[in-house]
Amino acid sequence: VLLFAISTMISWAYYGSIAWGFIVGHSKF
């Protein structure tokens, strides 16, 4: 369960970052 939770969060952090960049623009900051 702990590994499942960590892996899910890792992937969704990436999904969210791409969606976030789509909304506000892509930059390292």
mmCIF file of all heavy atoms, coordinates in Angstrom:
data_MODEL
# 
_entry.id   MODEL 
# 
loop_
_atom_site.group_PDB 
_atom_site.id 
_atom_site.type_symbol 
_atom_site.label_atom_id 
_atom_site.label_alt_id 
_atom_site.label_comp_id 
_atom_site.label_asym_id 
_atom_site.label_entity_id 
_atom_site.label_seq_id 
_atom_site.pdbx_PDB_ins_code 
_atom_site.Cartn_x 
_atom_site.Cartn_y 
_atom_site.Cartn_z 
_atom_site.occupancy 
_atom_site.B_iso_or_equiv 
_atom_site.pdbx_formal_charge 
_atom_site.auth_seq_id 
_atom_site.auth_comp_id 
_atom_site.auth_asym_id 
_atom_site.auth_atom_id 
_atom_site.pdbx_PDB_model_num 
ATOM 1   N N   . VAL A 1 1  ? 0.841  -1.205 0.000   1.00 0.00 ? 1  VAL A N   1 
ATOM 2   C CA  . VAL A 1 1  ? 0.000  0.000  0.000   1.00 0.00 ? 1  VAL A CA  1 
ATOM 3   C C   . VAL A 1 1  ? 0.871  1.248  0.000   1.00 0.00 ? 1  VAL A C   1 
ATOM 4   O O   . VAL A 1 1  ? 0.591  2.223  -0.712  1.00 0.00 ? 1  VAL A O   1 
ATOM 5   C CB  . VAL A 1 1  ? -0.954 0.004  1.218   1.00 0.00 ? 1  VAL A CB  1 
ATOM 6   C CG1 . VAL A 1 1  ? -1.588 1.374  1.408   1.00 0.00 ? 1  VAL A CG1 1 
ATOM 7   C CG2 . VAL A 1 1  ? -2.033 -1.054 1.043   1.00 0.00 ? 1  VAL A CG2 1 
ATOM 8   N N   . LEU A 1 2  ? 1.933  1.242  0.801   1.00 0.00 ? 2  LEU A N   1 
ATOM 9   C CA  . LEU A 1 2  ? 2.832  2.396  0.848   1.00 0.00 ? 2  LEU A CA  1 
ATOM 10  C C   . LEU A 1 2  ? 3.491  2.619  -0.509  1.00 0.00 ? 2  LEU A C   1 
ATOM 11  O O   . LEU A 1 2  ? 3.568  3.763  -0.994  1.00 0.00 ? 2  LEU A O   1 
ATOM 12  C CB  . LEU A 1 2  ? 3.903  2.177  1.922   1.00 0.00 ? 2  LEU A CB  1 
ATOM 13  C CG  . LEU A 1 2  ? 4.937  3.308  2.080   1.00 0.00 ? 2  LEU A CG  1 
ATOM 14  C CD1 . LEU A 1 2  ? 4.253  4.612  2.452   1.00 0.00 ? 2  LEU A CD1 1 
ATOM 15  C CD2 . LEU A 1 2  ? 5.976  2.933  3.132   1.00 0.00 ? 2  LEU A CD2 1 
ATOM 16  N N   . LEU A 1 3  ? 3.955  1.549  -1.144  1.00 0.00 ? 3  LEU A N   1 
ATOM 17  C CA  . LEU A 1 3  ? 4.569  1.670  -2.463  1.00 0.00 ? 3  LEU A CA  1 
ATOM 18  C C   . LEU A 1 3  ? 3.550  2.132  -3.499  1.00 0.00 ? 3  LEU A C   1 
ATOM 19  O O   . LEU A 1 3  ? 3.854  2.950  -4.380  1.00 0.00 ? 3  LEU A O   1 
ATOM 20  C CB  . LEU A 1 3  ? 5.189  0.343  -2.892  1.00 0.00 ? 3  LEU A CB  1 
ATOM 21  C CG  . LEU A 1 3  ? 6.431  -0.100 -2.125  1.00 0.00 ? 3  LEU A CG  1 
ATOM 22  C CD1 . LEU A 1 3  ? 6.858  -1.498 -2.557  1.00 0.00 ? 3  LEU A CD1 1 
ATOM 23  C CD2 . LEU A 1 3  ? 7.579  0.879  -2.342  1.00 0.00 ? 3  LEU A CD2 1 
ATOM 24  N N   . PHE A 1 4  ? 2.312  1.601  -3.404  1.00 0.00 ? 4  PHE A N   1 
ATOM 25  C CA  . PHE A 1 4  ? 1.254  2.026  -4.313  1.00 0.00 ? 4  PHE A CA  1 
ATOM 26  C C   . PHE A 1 4  ? 1.002  3.523  -4.176  1.00 0.00 ? 4  PHE A C   1 
ATOM 27  O O   . PHE A 1 4  ? 0.865  4.241  -5.165  1.00 0.00 ? 4  PHE A O   1 
ATOM 28  C CB  . PHE A 1 4  ? -0.053 1.277  -4.016  1.00 0.00 ? 4  PHE A CB  1 
ATOM 29  C CG  . PHE A 1 4  ? -0.063 -0.154 -4.482  1.00 0.00 ? 4  PHE A CG  1 
ATOM 30  C CD1 . PHE A 1 4  ? -0.923 -1.078 -3.904  1.00 0.00 ? 4  PHE A CD1 1 
ATOM 31  C CD2 . PHE A 1 4  ? 0.768  -0.583 -5.497  1.00 0.00 ? 4  PHE A CD2 1 
ATOM 32  C CE1 . PHE A 1 4  ? -0.950 -2.396 -4.333  1.00 0.00 ? 4  PHE A CE1 1 
ATOM 33  C CE2 . PHE A 1 4  ? 0.759  -1.899 -5.934  1.00 0.00 ? 4  PHE A CE2 1 
ATOM 34  C CZ  . PHE A 1 4  ? -0.105 -2.805 -5.347  1.00 0.00 ? 4  PHE A CZ  1 
ATOM 35  N N   . ALA A 1 5  ? 0.936  3.985  -2.940  1.00 0.00 ? 5  ALA A N   1 
ATOM 36  C CA  . ALA A 1 5  ? 0.656  5.397  -2.683  1.00 0.00 ? 5  ALA A CA  1 
ATOM 37  C C   . ALA A 1 5  ? 1.767  6.287  -3.234  1.00 0.00 ? 5  ALA A C   1 
ATOM 38  O O   . ALA A 1 5  ? 1.504  7.312  -3.880  1.00 0.00 ? 5  ALA A O   1 
ATOM 39  C CB  . ALA A 1 5  ? 0.478  5.641  -1.187  1.00 0.00 ? 5  ALA A CB  1 
ATOM 40  N N   . ILE A 1 6  ? 3.016  5.901  -2.967  1.00 0.00 ? 6  ILE A N   1 
ATOM 41  C CA  . ILE A 1 6  ? 4.150  6.699  -3.441  1.00 0.00 ? 6  ILE A CA  1 
ATOM 42  C C   . ILE A 1 6  ? 4.173  6.746  -4.965  1.00 0.00 ? 6  ILE A C   1 
ATOM 43  O O   . ILE A 1 6  ? 4.354  7.814  -5.565  1.00 0.00 ? 6  ILE A O   1 
ATOM 44  C CB  . ILE A 1 6  ? 5.474  6.113  -2.908  1.00 0.00 ? 6  ILE A CB  1 
ATOM 45  C CG1 . ILE A 1 6  ? 5.574  6.343  -1.388  1.00 0.00 ? 6  ILE A CG1 1 
ATOM 46  C CG2 . ILE A 1 6  ? 6.672  6.751  -3.612  1.00 0.00 ? 6  ILE A CG2 1 
ATOM 47  C CD1 . ILE A 1 6  ? 6.789  5.677  -0.751  1.00 0.00 ? 6  ILE A CD1 1 
ATOM 48  N N   . SER A 1 7  ? 3.994  5.604  -5.611  1.00 0.00 ? 7  SER A N   1 
ATOM 49  C CA  . SER A 1 7  ? 4.053  5.572  -7.072  1.00 0.00 ? 7  SER A CA  1 
ATOM 50  C C   . SER A 1 7  ? 2.919  6.380  -7.692  1.00 0.00 ? 7  SER A C   1 
ATOM 51  O O   . SER A 1 7  ? 3.108  7.066  -8.699  1.00 0.00 ? 7  SER A O   1 
ATOM 52  C CB  . SER A 1 7  ? 4.008  4.125  -7.576  1.00 0.00 ? 7  SER A CB  1 
ATOM 53  O OG  . SER A 1 7  ? 2.758  3.528  -7.301  1.00 0.00 ? 7  SER A OG  1 
ATOM 54  N N   . THR A 1 8  ? 1.723  6.310  -7.083  1.00 0.00 ? 8  THR A N   1 
ATOM 55  C CA  . THR A 1 8  ? 0.592  7.086  -7.591  1.00 0.00 ? 8  THR A CA  1 
ATOM 56  C C   . THR A 1 8  ? 0.873  8.578  -7.486  1.00 0.00 ? 8  THR A C   1 
ATOM 57  O O   . THR A 1 8  ? 0.622  9.346  -8.424  1.00 0.00 ? 8  THR A O   1 
ATOM 58  C CB  . THR A 1 8  ? -0.690 6.745  -6.812  1.00 0.00 ? 8  THR A CB  1 
ATOM 59  O OG1 . THR A 1 8  ? -1.003 5.359  -7.000  1.00 0.00 ? 8  THR A OG1 1 
ATOM 60  C CG2 . THR A 1 8  ? -1.866 7.584  -7.298  1.00 0.00 ? 8  THR A CG2 1 
ATOM 61  N N   . MET A 1 9  ? 1.418  9.011  -6.355  1.00 0.00 ? 9  MET A N   1 
ATOM 62  C CA  . MET A 1 9  ? 1.719  10.424 -6.168  1.00 0.00 ? 9  MET A CA  1 
ATOM 63  C C   . MET A 1 9  ? 2.787  10.906 -7.141  1.00 0.00 ? 9  MET A C   1 
ATOM 64  O O   . MET A 1 9  ? 2.706  12.015 -7.684  1.00 0.00 ? 9  MET A O   1 
ATOM 65  C CB  . MET A 1 9  ? 2.155  10.685 -4.719  1.00 0.00 ? 9  MET A CB  1 
ATOM 66  C CG  . MET A 1 9  ? 1.017  10.617 -3.725  1.00 0.00 ? 9  MET A CG  1 
ATOM 67  S SD  . MET A 1 9  ? 1.492  11.146 -2.062  1.00 0.00 ? 9  MET A SD  1 
ATOM 68  C CE  . MET A 1 9  ? 2.373  9.712  -1.496  1.00 0.00 ? 9  MET A CE  1 
ATOM 69  N N   . ILE A 1 10 ? 3.789  10.071 -7.392  1.00 0.00 ? 10 ILE A N   1 
ATOM 70  C CA  . ILE A 1 10 ? 4.861  10.447 -8.312  1.00 0.00 ? 10 ILE A CA  1 
ATOM 71  C C   . ILE A 1 10 ? 4.304  10.693 -9.719  1.00 0.00 ? 10 ILE A C   1 
ATOM 72  O O   . ILE A 1 10 ? 4.608  11.702 -10.359 1.00 0.00 ? 10 ILE A O   1 
ATOM 73  C CB  . ILE A 1 10 ? 5.946  9.356  -8.350  1.00 0.00 ? 10 ILE A CB  1 
ATOM 74  C CG1 . ILE A 1 10 ? 6.752  9.359  -7.047  1.00 0.00 ? 10 ILE A CG1 1 
ATOM 75  C CG2 . ILE A 1 10 ? 6.878  9.546  -9.536  1.00 0.00 ? 10 ILE A CG2 1 
ATOM 76  C CD1 . ILE A 1 10 ? 7.718  8.195  -6.916  1.00 0.00 ? 10 ILE A CD1 1 
ATOM 77  N N   . SER A 1 11 ? 3.482  9.773  -10.197 1.00 0.00 ? 11 SER A N   1 
ATOM 78  C CA  . SER A 1 11 ? 2.926  9.922  -11.540 1.00 0.00 ? 11 SER A CA  1 
ATOM 79  C C   . SER A 1 11 ? 1.989  11.115 -11.642 1.00 0.00 ? 11 SER A C   1 
ATOM 80  O O   . SER A 1 11 ? 2.039  11.888 -12.607 1.00 0.00 ? 11 SER A O   1 
ATOM 81  C CB  . SER A 1 11 ? 2.178  8.643  -11.948 1.00 0.00 ? 11 SER A CB  1 
ATOM 82  O OG  . SER A 1 11 ? 3.082  7.583  -12.117 1.00 0.00 ? 11 SER A OG  1 
ATOM 83  N N   . TRP A 1 12 ? 1.150  11.282 -10.631 1.00 0.00 ? 12 TRP A N   1 
ATOM 84  C CA  . TRP A 1 12 ? 0.185  12.379 -10.692 1.00 0.00 ? 12 TRP A CA  1 
ATOM 85  C C   . TRP A 1 12 ? 0.845  13.734 -10.478 1.00 0.00 ? 12 TRP A C   1 
ATOM 86  O O   . TRP A 1 12 ? 0.324  14.759 -10.915 1.00 0.00 ? 12 TRP A O   1 
ATOM 87  C CB  . TRP A 1 12 ? -0.955 12.143 -9.700  1.00 0.00 ? 12 TRP A CB  1 
ATOM 88  C CG  . TRP A 1 12 ? -2.035 11.326 -10.351 1.00 0.00 ? 12 TRP A CG  1 
ATOM 89  C CD1 . TRP A 1 12 ? -2.141 9.973  -10.355 1.00 0.00 ? 12 TRP A CD1 1 
ATOM 90  C CD2 . TRP A 1 12 ? -3.117 11.821 -11.133 1.00 0.00 ? 12 TRP A CD2 1 
ATOM 91  N NE1 . TRP A 1 12 ? -3.241 9.591  -11.071 1.00 0.00 ? 12 TRP A NE1 1 
ATOM 92  C CE2 . TRP A 1 12 ? -3.858 10.703 -11.562 1.00 0.00 ? 12 TRP A CE2 1 
ATOM 93  C CE3 . TRP A 1 12 ? -3.550 13.092 -11.490 1.00 0.00 ? 12 TRP A CE3 1 
ATOM 94  C CZ2 . TRP A 1 12 ? -5.001 10.824 -12.349 1.00 0.00 ? 12 TRP A CZ2 1 
ATOM 95  C CZ3 . TRP A 1 12 ? -4.687 13.218 -12.282 1.00 0.00 ? 12 TRP A CZ3 1 
ATOM 96  C CH2 . TRP A 1 12 ? -5.400 12.098 -12.701 1.00 0.00 ? 12 TRP A CH2 1 
ATOM 97  N N   . ALA A 1 13 ? 2.005  13.758 -9.839  1.00 0.00 ? 13 ALA A N   1 
ATOM 98  C CA  . ALA A 1 13 ? 2.758  15.015 -9.755  1.00 0.00 ? 13 ALA A CA  1 
ATOM 99  C C   . ALA A 1 13 ? 3.177  15.451 -11.151 1.00 0.00 ? 13 ALA A C   1 
ATOM 100 O O   . ALA A 1 13 ? 3.147  16.647 -11.483 1.00 0.00 ? 13 ALA A O   1 
ATOM 101 C CB  . ALA A 1 13 ? 3.986  14.836 -8.865  1.00 0.00 ? 13 ALA A CB  1 
ATOM 102 N N   . TYR A 1 14 ? 3.560  14.477 -11.969 1.00 0.00 ? 14 TYR A N   1 
ATOM 103 C CA  . TYR A 1 14 ? 3.938  14.801 -13.347 1.00 0.00 ? 14 TYR A CA  1 
ATOM 104 C C   . TYR A 1 14 ? 2.720  15.234 -14.163 1.00 0.00 ? 14 TYR A C   1 
ATOM 105 O O   . TYR A 1 14 ? 2.769  16.231 -14.887 1.00 0.00 ? 14 TYR A O   1 
ATOM 106 C CB  . TYR A 1 14 ? 4.620  13.601 -14.008 1.00 0.00 ? 14 TYR A CB  1 
ATOM 107 C CG  . TYR A 1 14 ? 4.983  13.875 -15.445 1.00 0.00 ? 14 TYR A CG  1 
ATOM 108 C CD1 . TYR A 1 14 ? 6.014  14.763 -15.753 1.00 0.00 ? 14 TYR A CD1 1 
ATOM 109 C CD2 . TYR A 1 14 ? 4.284  13.278 -16.487 1.00 0.00 ? 14 TYR A CD2 1 
ATOM 110 C CE1 . TYR A 1 14 ? 6.343  15.039 -17.074 1.00 0.00 ? 14 TYR A CE1 1 
ATOM 111 C CE2 . TYR A 1 14 ? 4.604  13.549 -17.809 1.00 0.00 ? 14 TYR A CE2 1 
ATOM 112 C CZ  . TYR A 1 14 ? 5.627  14.433 -18.091 1.00 0.00 ? 14 TYR A CZ  1 
ATOM 113 O OH  . TYR A 1 14 ? 5.942  14.717 -19.406 1.00 0.00 ? 14 TYR A OH  1 
ATOM 114 N N   . TYR A 1 15 ? 1.600  14.493 -14.029 1.00 0.00 ? 15 TYR A N   1 
ATOM 115 C CA  . TYR A 1 15 ? 0.384  14.869 -14.755 1.00 0.00 ? 15 TYR A CA  1 
ATOM 116 C C   . TYR A 1 15 ? -0.029 16.297 -14.400 1.00 0.00 ? 15 TYR A C   1 
ATOM 117 O O   . TYR A 1 15 ? -0.347 17.112 -15.277 1.00 0.00 ? 15 TYR A O   1 
ATOM 118 C CB  . TYR A 1 15 ? -0.775 13.922 -14.409 1.00 0.00 ? 15 TYR A CB  1 
ATOM 119 C CG  . TYR A 1 15 ? -0.561 12.472 -14.771 1.00 0.00 ? 15 TYR A CG  1 
ATOM 120 C CD1 . TYR A 1 15 ? -1.349 11.465 -14.206 1.00 0.00 ? 15 TYR A CD1 1 
ATOM 121 C CD2 . TYR A 1 15 ? 0.418  12.081 -15.681 1.00 0.00 ? 15 TYR A CD2 1 
ATOM 122 C CE1 . TYR A 1 15 ? -1.171 10.135 -14.531 1.00 0.00 ? 15 TYR A CE1 1 
ATOM 123 C CE2 . TYR A 1 15 ? 0.608  10.751 -16.012 1.00 0.00 ? 15 TYR A CE2 1 
ATOM 124 C CZ  . TYR A 1 15 ? -0.198 9.779  -15.428 1.00 0.00 ? 15 TYR A CZ  1 
ATOM 125 O OH  . TYR A 1 15 ? -0.015 8.464  -15.757 1.00 0.00 ? 15 TYR A OH  1 
ATOM 126 N N   . GLY A 1 16 ? -0.028 16.588 -13.106 1.00 0.00 ? 16 GLY A N   1 
ATOM 127 C CA  . GLY A 1 16 ? -0.435 17.910 -12.643 1.00 0.00 ? 16 GLY A CA  1 
ATOM 128 C C   . GLY A 1 16 ? 0.499  19.004 -13.121 1.00 0.00 ? 16 GLY A C   1 
ATOM 129 O O   . GLY A 1 16 ? 0.061  20.112 -13.457 1.00 0.00 ? 16 GLY A O   1 
ATOM 130 N N   . SER A 1 17 ? 1.808  18.704 -13.184 1.00 0.00 ? 17 SER A N   1 
ATOM 131 C CA  . SER A 1 17 ? 2.775  19.719 -13.606 1.00 0.00 ? 17 SER A CA  1 
ATOM 132 C C   . SER A 1 17 ? 2.586  20.080 -15.074 1.00 0.00 ? 17 SER A C   1 
ATOM 133 O O   . SER A 1 17 ? 2.722  21.253 -15.458 1.00 0.00 ? 17 SER A O   1 
ATOM 134 C CB  . SER A 1 17 ? 4.207  19.233 -13.356 1.00 0.00 ? 17 SER A CB  1 
ATOM 135 O OG  . SER A 1 17 ? 4.555  18.173 -14.227 1.00 0.00 ? 17 SER A OG  1 
ATOM 136 N N   . ILE A 1 18 ? 2.264  19.096 -15.904 1.00 0.00 ? 18 ILE A N   1 
ATOM 137 C CA  . ILE A 1 18 ? 2.033  19.371 -17.325 1.00 0.00 ? 18 ILE A CA  1 
ATOM 138 C C   . ILE A 1 18 ? 0.744  20.180 -17.497 1.00 0.00 ? 18 ILE A C   1 
ATOM 139 O O   . ILE A 1 18 ? 0.694  21.134 -18.288 1.00 0.00 ? 18 ILE A O   1 
ATOM 140 C CB  . ILE A 1 18 ? 1.943  18.060 -18.132 1.00 0.00 ? 18 ILE A CB  1 
ATOM 141 C CG1 . ILE A 1 18 ? 3.281  17.305 -18.051 1.00 0.00 ? 18 ILE A CG1 1 
ATOM 142 C CG2 . ILE A 1 18 ? 1.584  18.346 -19.588 1.00 0.00 ? 18 ILE A CG2 1 
ATOM 143 C CD1 . ILE A 1 18 ? 4.466  18.042 -18.631 1.00 0.00 ? 18 ILE A CD1 1 
ATOM 144 N N   . ALA A 1 19 ? -0.300 19.812 -16.744 1.00 0.00 ? 19 ALA A N   1 
ATOM 145 C CA  . ALA A 1 19 ? -1.559 20.564 -16.811 1.00 0.00 ? 19 ALA A CA  1 
ATOM 146 C C   . ALA A 1 19 ? -1.365 21.989 -16.284 1.00 0.00 ? 19 ALA A C   1 
ATOM 147 O O   . ALA A 1 19 ? -1.899 22.953 -16.843 1.00 0.00 ? 19 ALA A O   1 
ATOM 148 C CB  . ALA A 1 19 ? -2.643 19.844 -16.005 1.00 0.00 ? 19 ALA A CB  1 
ATOM 149 N N   . TRP A 1 20 ? -0.602 22.117 -15.202 1.00 0.00 ? 20 TRP A N   1 
ATOM 150 C CA  . TRP A 1 20 ? -0.287 23.431 -14.623 1.00 0.00 ? 20 TRP A CA  1 
ATOM 151 C C   . TRP A 1 20 ? 0.442  24.299 -15.641 1.00 0.00 ? 20 TRP A C   1 
ATOM 152 O O   . TRP A 1 20 ? 0.119  25.467 -15.840 1.00 0.00 ? 20 TRP A O   1 
ATOM 153 C CB  . TRP A 1 20 ? 0.559  23.217 -13.373 1.00 0.00 ? 20 TRP A CB  1 
ATOM 154 C CG  . TRP A 1 20 ? 1.135  24.447 -12.738 1.00 0.00 ? 20 TRP A CG  1 
ATOM 155 C CD1 . TRP A 1 20 ? 2.346  25.011 -12.990 1.00 0.00 ? 20 TRP A CD1 1 
ATOM 156 C CD2 . TRP A 1 20 ? 0.535  25.259 -11.714 1.00 0.00 ? 20 TRP A CD2 1 
ATOM 157 N NE1 . TRP A 1 20 ? 2.555  26.117 -12.192 1.00 0.00 ? 20 TRP A NE1 1 
ATOM 158 C CE2 . TRP A 1 20 ? 1.455  26.282 -11.411 1.00 0.00 ? 20 TRP A CE2 1 
ATOM 159 C CE3 . TRP A 1 20 ? -0.674 25.206 -11.034 1.00 0.00 ? 20 TRP A CE3 1 
ATOM 160 C CZ2 . TRP A 1 20 ? 1.190  27.257 -10.447 1.00 0.00 ? 20 TRP A CZ2 1 
ATOM 161 C CZ3 . TRP A 1 20 ? -0.937 26.168 -10.070 1.00 0.00 ? 20 TRP A CZ3 1 
ATOM 162 C CH2 . TRP A 1 20 ? -0.025 27.180 -9.784  1.00 0.00 ? 20 TRP A CH2 1 
ATOM 163 N N   . GLY A 1 21 ? 1.431  23.724 -16.305 1.00 0.00 ? 21 GLY A N   1 
ATOM 164 C CA  . GLY A 1 21 ? 2.181  24.456 -17.318 1.00 0.00 ? 21 GLY A CA  1 
ATOM 165 C C   . GLY A 1 21 ? 1.310  24.867 -18.489 1.00 0.00 ? 21 GLY A C   1 
ATOM 166 O O   . GLY A 1 21 ? 1.515  25.934 -19.080 1.00 0.00 ? 21 GLY A O   1 
ATOM 167 N N   . PHE A 1 22 ? 0.340  24.029 -18.837 1.00 0.00 ? 22 PHE A N   1 
ATOM 168 C CA  . PHE A 1 22 ? -0.578 24.355 -19.923 1.00 0.00 ? 22 PHE A CA  1 
ATOM 169 C C   . PHE A 1 22 ? -1.404 25.596 -19.582 1.00 0.00 ? 22 PHE A C   1 
ATOM 170 O O   . PHE A 1 22 ? -1.703 26.420 -20.452 1.00 0.00 ? 22 PHE A O   1 
ATOM 171 C CB  . PHE A 1 22 ? -1.512 23.172 -20.191 1.00 0.00 ? 22 PHE A CB  1 
ATOM 172 C CG  . PHE A 1 22 ? -2.433 23.362 -21.364 1.00 0.00 ? 22 PHE A CG  1 
ATOM 173 C CD1 . PHE A 1 22 ? -2.007 23.050 -22.654 1.00 0.00 ? 22 PHE A CD1 1 
ATOM 174 C CD2 . PHE A 1 22 ? -3.723 23.845 -21.192 1.00 0.00 ? 22 PHE A CD2 1 
ATOM 175 C CE1 . PHE A 1 22 ? -2.864 23.221 -23.744 1.00 0.00 ? 22 PHE A CE1 1 
ATOM 176 C CE2 . PHE A 1 22 ? -4.583 24.020 -22.271 1.00 0.00 ? 22 PHE A CE2 1 
ATOM 177 C CZ  . PHE A 1 22 ? -4.149 23.697 -23.554 1.00 0.00 ? 22 PHE A CZ  1 
ATOM 178 N N   . ILE A 1 23 ? -1.747 25.732 -18.303 1.00 0.00 ? 23 ILE A N   1 
ATOM 179 C CA  . ILE A 1 23 ? -2.582 26.855 -17.864 1.00 0.00 ? 23 ILE A CA  1 
ATOM 180 C C   . ILE A 1 23 ? -1.770 28.137 -17.711 1.00 0.00 ? 23 ILE A C   1 
ATOM 181 O O   . ILE A 1 23 ? -2.150 29.194 -18.217 1.00 0.00 ? 23 ILE A O   1 
ATOM 182 C CB  . ILE A 1 23 ? -3.279 26.514 -16.529 1.00 0.00 ? 23 ILE A CB  1 
ATOM 183 C CG1 . ILE A 1 23 ? -4.226 25.320 -16.697 1.00 0.00 ? 23 ILE A CG1 1 
ATOM 184 C CG2 . ILE A 1 23 ? -4.059 27.727 -15.998 1.00 0.00 ? 23 ILE A CG2 1 
ATOM 185 C CD1 . ILE A 1 23 ? -4.737 24.757 -15.393 1.00 0.00 ? 23 ILE A CD1 1 
ATOM 186 N N   . VAL A 1 24 ? -0.640 28.048 -17.008 1.00 0.00 ? 24 VAL A N   1 
ATOM 187 C CA  . VAL A 1 24 ? 0.120  29.261 -16.656 1.00 0.00 ? 24 VAL A CA  1 
ATOM 188 C C   . VAL A 1 24 ? 1.342  29.480 -17.542 1.00 0.00 ? 24 VAL A C   1 
ATOM 189 O O   . VAL A 1 24 ? 1.989  30.524 -17.451 1.00 0.00 ? 24 VAL A O   1 
ATOM 190 C CB  . VAL A 1 24 ? 0.572  29.204 -15.179 1.00 0.00 ? 24 VAL A CB  1 
ATOM 191 C CG1 . VAL A 1 24 ? -0.624 29.020 -14.258 1.00 0.00 ? 24 VAL A CG1 1 
ATOM 192 C CG2 . VAL A 1 24 ? 1.589  28.075 -14.952 1.00 0.00 ? 24 VAL A CG2 1 
ATOM 193 N N   . GLY A 1 25 ? 1.663  28.510 -18.387 1.00 0.00 ? 25 GLY A N   1 
ATOM 194 C CA  . GLY A 1 25 ? 2.848  28.627 -19.223 1.00 0.00 ? 25 GLY A CA  1 
ATOM 195 C C   . GLY A 1 25 ? 3.983  27.777 -18.685 1.00 0.00 ? 25 GLY A C   1 
ATOM 196 O O   . GLY A 1 25 ? 4.098  27.574 -17.468 1.00 0.00 ? 25 GLY A O   1 
ATOM 197 N N   . HIS A 1 26 ? 4.792  27.265 -19.578 1.00 0.00 ? 26 HIS A N   1 
ATOM 198 C CA  . HIS A 1 26 ? 5.886  26.371 -19.174 1.00 0.00 ? 26 HIS A CA  1 
ATOM 199 C C   . HIS A 1 26 ? 7.174  27.161 -18.941 1.00 0.00 ? 26 HIS A C   1 
ATOM 200 O O   . HIS A 1 26 ? 7.625  27.912 -19.801 1.00 0.00 ? 26 HIS A O   1 
ATOM 201 C CB  . HIS A 1 26 ? 6.129  25.305 -20.248 1.00 0.00 ? 26 HIS A CB  1 
ATOM 202 C CG  . HIS A 1 26 ? 5.005  24.337 -20.408 1.00 0.00 ? 26 HIS A CG  1 
ATOM 203 N ND1 . HIS A 1 26 ? 4.733  23.338 -19.493 1.00 0.00 ? 26 HIS A ND1 1 
ATOM 204 C CD2 . HIS A 1 26 ? 4.061  24.224 -21.377 1.00 0.00 ? 26 HIS A CD2 1 
ATOM 205 C CE1 . HIS A 1 26 ? 3.691  22.649 -19.900 1.00 0.00 ? 26 HIS A CE1 1 
ATOM 206 N NE2 . HIS A 1 26 ? 3.260  23.163 -21.035 1.00 0.00 ? 26 HIS A NE2 1 
ATOM 207 N N   . SER A 1 27 ? 7.729  27.005 -17.762 1.00 0.00 ? 27 SER A N   1 
ATOM 208 C CA  . SER A 1 27 ? 9.047  27.548 -17.424 1.00 0.00 ? 27 SER A CA  1 
ATOM 209 C C   . SER A 1 27 ? 9.560  26.759 -16.237 1.00 0.00 ? 27 SER A C   1 
ATOM 210 O O   . SER A 1 27 ? 8.779  26.135 -15.506 1.00 0.00 ? 27 SER A O   1 
ATOM 211 C CB  . SER A 1 27 ? 8.972  29.037 -17.085 1.00 0.00 ? 27 SER A CB  1 
ATOM 212 O OG  . SER A 1 27 ? 8.374  29.234 -15.815 1.00 0.00 ? 27 SER A OG  1 
ATOM 213 N N   . LYS A 1 28 ? 10.862 26.793 -16.026 1.00 0.00 ? 28 LYS A N   1 
ATOM 214 C CA  . LYS A 1 28 ? 11.442 26.025 -14.926 1.00 0.00 ? 28 LYS A CA  1 
ATOM 215 C C   . LYS A 1 28 ? 10.926 26.523 -13.584 1.00 0.00 ? 28 LYS A C   1 
ATOM 216 O O   . LYS A 1 28 ? 10.617 25.730 -12.688 1.00 0.00 ? 28 LYS A O   1 
ATOM 217 C CB  . LYS A 1 28 ? 12.965 26.124 -14.968 1.00 0.00 ? 28 LYS A CB  1 
ATOM 218 C CG  . LYS A 1 28 ? 13.651 25.183 -13.988 1.00 0.00 ? 28 LYS A CG  1 
ATOM 219 C CD  . LYS A 1 28 ? 15.142 25.061 -14.258 1.00 0.00 ? 28 LYS A CD  1 
ATOM 220 C CE  . LYS A 1 28 ? 15.763 24.024 -13.324 1.00 0.00 ? 28 LYS A CE  1 
ATOM 221 N NZ  . LYS A 1 28 ? 17.210 23.846 -13.586 1.00 0.00 ? 28 LYS A NZ  1 
ATOM 222 N N   . PHE A 1 29 ? 10.805 27.845 -13.430 1.00 0.00 ? 29 PHE A N   1 
ATOM 223 C CA  . PHE A 1 29 ? 10.328 28.416 -12.175 1.00 0.00 ? 29 PHE A CA  1 
ATOM 224 C C   . PHE A 1 29 ? 8.879  27.983 -11.890 1.00 0.00 ? 29 PHE A C   1 
ATOM 225 O O   . PHE A 1 29 ? 8.557  27.578 -10.766 1.00 0.00 ? 29 PHE A O   1 
ATOM 226 C CB  . PHE A 1 29 ? 10.403 29.937 -12.222 1.00 0.00 ? 29 PHE A CB  1 
ATOM 227 C CG  . PHE A 1 29 ? 9.768  30.615 -11.038 1.00 0.00 ? 29 PHE A CG  1 
ATOM 228 C CD1 . PHE A 1 29 ? 10.417 30.654 -9.813  1.00 0.00 ? 29 PHE A CD1 1 
ATOM 229 C CD2 . PHE A 1 29 ? 8.500  31.189 -11.146 1.00 0.00 ? 29 PHE A CD2 1 
ATOM 230 C CE1 . PHE A 1 29 ? 9.818  31.266 -8.713  1.00 0.00 ? 29 PHE A CE1 1 
ATOM 231 C CE2 . PHE A 1 29 ? 7.903  31.805 -10.060 1.00 0.00 ? 29 PHE A CE2 1 
ATOM 232 C CZ  . PHE A 1 29 ? 8.568  31.844 -8.831  1.00 0.00 ? 29 PHE A CZ  1 
# 
